[in-house]
Protein backbone atom coordinates (compact mmCIF):
# COMPACT_ATOMS: atom_id res chain seq x y z
CA GLU A 1 173.34 -16.44 -10.57
CA VAL A 2 172.83 -12.91 -11.92
CA GLN A 3 174.36 -12.44 -15.37
CA VAL A 4 174.39 -9.11 -17.39
CA VAL A 5 176.21 -9.43 -20.53
CA GLU A 6 177.02 -6.78 -23.17
CA SER A 7 177.84 -7.22 -26.75
CA GLY A 8 178.26 -5.36 -29.83
CA GLY A 9 181.16 -2.98 -29.13
CA GLY A 10 183.85 -2.34 -31.70
CA LEU A 11 185.77 0.15 -33.86
CA VAL A 12 183.87 2.46 -36.19
CA GLN A 13 184.60 5.76 -37.96
CA ALA A 14 182.98 8.92 -37.04
CA GLY A 15 179.52 9.24 -38.51
CA GLY A 16 179.03 5.50 -38.38
CA SER A 17 176.78 3.33 -36.35
CA LEU A 18 176.82 0.46 -33.87
CA ARG A 19 174.33 -1.50 -32.08
CA LEU A 20 174.94 -2.73 -28.50
CA SER A 21 172.88 -5.40 -26.83
CA CYS A 22 172.44 -6.37 -23.23
CA ALA A 23 171.26 -9.84 -21.98
CA ALA A 24 170.15 -10.29 -18.38
CA SER A 25 169.39 -13.50 -16.68
CA GLY A 26 168.90 -14.45 -13.09
CA VAL A 27 167.36 -11.17 -12.27
CA THR A 28 163.80 -9.79 -12.25
CA PHE A 29 163.43 -8.25 -15.73
CA ASP A 30 159.78 -7.25 -15.29
CA ASP A 31 159.38 -3.84 -13.79
CA SER A 32 163.15 -3.04 -13.85
CA ALA A 33 165.29 -0.19 -15.17
CA ILE A 34 167.87 -1.34 -17.66
CA GLY A 35 170.39 1.15 -18.68
CA TRP A 36 173.61 1.90 -20.53
CA PHE A 37 176.46 3.85 -19.02
CA ARG A 38 179.81 4.64 -20.28
CA GLN A 39 183.29 5.60 -19.00
CA ALA A 40 185.95 7.11 -21.22
CA PRO A 41 189.59 7.11 -20.19
CA GLY A 42 190.32 9.45 -17.39
CA LYS A 43 186.56 10.36 -16.90
CA GLU A 44 183.82 9.39 -14.54
CA ARG A 45 181.24 6.85 -15.57
CA GLU A 46 178.13 8.64 -16.78
CA GLY A 47 174.62 7.65 -17.81
CA VAL A 48 173.74 7.37 -21.38
CA SER A 49 170.30 5.99 -21.62
CA THR A 50 167.81 3.98 -19.52
CA ILE A 51 164.51 2.16 -20.14
CA VAL A 52 161.95 0.86 -17.83
CA SER A 53 160.63 -2.59 -18.82
CA SER A 54 157.09 -2.21 -17.47
CA ASP A 55 156.06 0.96 -19.16
CA GLY A 56 158.82 1.75 -21.70
CA ASN A 57 159.74 5.00 -20.04
CA THR A 58 163.08 6.22 -21.30
CA TYR A 59 166.01 8.64 -20.41
CA TYR A 60 168.74 9.88 -22.63
CA ALA A 61 171.61 12.04 -21.81
CA ASP A 62 171.56 15.33 -23.61
CA SER A 63 174.90 14.34 -25.33
CA VAL A 64 173.23 11.44 -27.20
CA LYS A 65 169.72 12.65 -27.72
CA GLY A 66 168.62 12.30 -31.41
CA ARG A 67 171.55 9.93 -32.14
CA PHE A 68 171.02 6.96 -29.73
CA THR A 69 167.81 4.88 -29.31
CA ILE A 70 167.20 2.36 -26.58
CA SER A 71 164.73 -0.51 -27.11
CA ILE A 72 163.58 -3.59 -25.04
CA ASP A 73 162.60 -7.03 -25.92
CA ASN A 74 160.90 -8.35 -22.78
CA ALA A 75 160.42 -11.80 -24.08
CA LYS A 76 164.10 -12.18 -24.98
CA ARG A 77 165.15 -10.28 -21.84
CA THR A 78 167.46 -7.99 -23.93
CA VAL A 79 167.84 -4.29 -24.28
CA THR A 80 169.45 -2.72 -27.33
CA LEU A 81 171.19 0.67 -27.75
CA GLN A 82 171.30 1.70 -31.41
CA MET A 83 174.00 4.30 -31.77
CA ASN A 84 173.94 6.45 -35.01
CA SER A 85 176.11 9.44 -35.94
CA LEU A 86 178.88 8.34 -33.64
CA LYS A 87 181.49 10.87 -32.63
CA PRO A 88 185.10 10.35 -31.37
CA GLU A 89 183.85 11.69 -27.95
CA ASP A 90 181.58 8.70 -27.77
CA THR A 91 184.59 6.43 -27.35
CA ALA A 92 184.33 4.71 -24.04
CA VAL A 93 183.64 1.36 -22.27
CA TYR A 94 179.89 0.87 -22.41
CA TYR A 95 178.16 -0.91 -19.46
CA CYS A 96 174.73 -2.35 -19.02
CA ALA A 97 173.13 -2.45 -15.65
CA VAL A 98 169.82 -3.58 -14.25
CA GLY A 99 168.03 -2.03 -11.19
CA PRO A 100 164.61 -1.05 -9.79
CA PRO A 101 162.43 1.02 -12.09
CA TRP A 102 163.21 4.29 -10.02
CA ALA A 103 166.94 3.66 -10.92
CA ILE A 104 166.12 5.37 -14.24
CA ALA A 105 166.94 8.66 -12.38
CA SER A 106 170.19 7.54 -10.74
CA MET A 107 173.09 5.35 -11.84
CA ASN A 108 173.88 4.79 -8.18
CA LEU A 109 170.67 2.76 -7.64
CA MET A 110 171.47 0.16 -10.35
CA LYS A 111 172.19 -3.18 -8.74
CA HIS A 112 173.65 -5.54 -11.27
CA TRP A 113 176.37 -4.48 -13.81
CA GLY A 114 177.89 -6.23 -16.73
CA LYS A 115 181.75 -6.08 -17.51
CA GLY A 116 181.44 -3.73 -20.36
CA THR A 117 182.13 -3.51 -24.07
CA LEU A 118 184.60 -1.16 -25.69
CA VAL A 119 183.33 1.38 -28.32
CA THR A 120 186.07 3.16 -30.14
CA VAL A 121 185.03 5.92 -32.69
CA SER A 122 187.99 7.13 -34.95
CA SER A 123 188.13 10.54 -36.46
């Protein structure tokens, strides 16, 4: 059974930091793209950051570059998203997803999704 589980969401003031973790089991972790996506109320889901497990190649949305950092621990099969300098517009449900390495370029290619974790940034 495939399981993708996010953790680490919560409430933080603007300018603060949060760290999200994604744990995956029952799915090939080697040579996969593991990414974070978010969906704010009334908006479409968008890509935030993705990493390829085999080569460490990363993608960041322009809106989070310089503030968010994605990292991977292949031994623990976890991906972490360190979010600094948070803004109210970062408020959303954050989802982790796993897919083939070429999915780094497209959210639609991700195969396995977690249920999400809520991040709320107050002004």
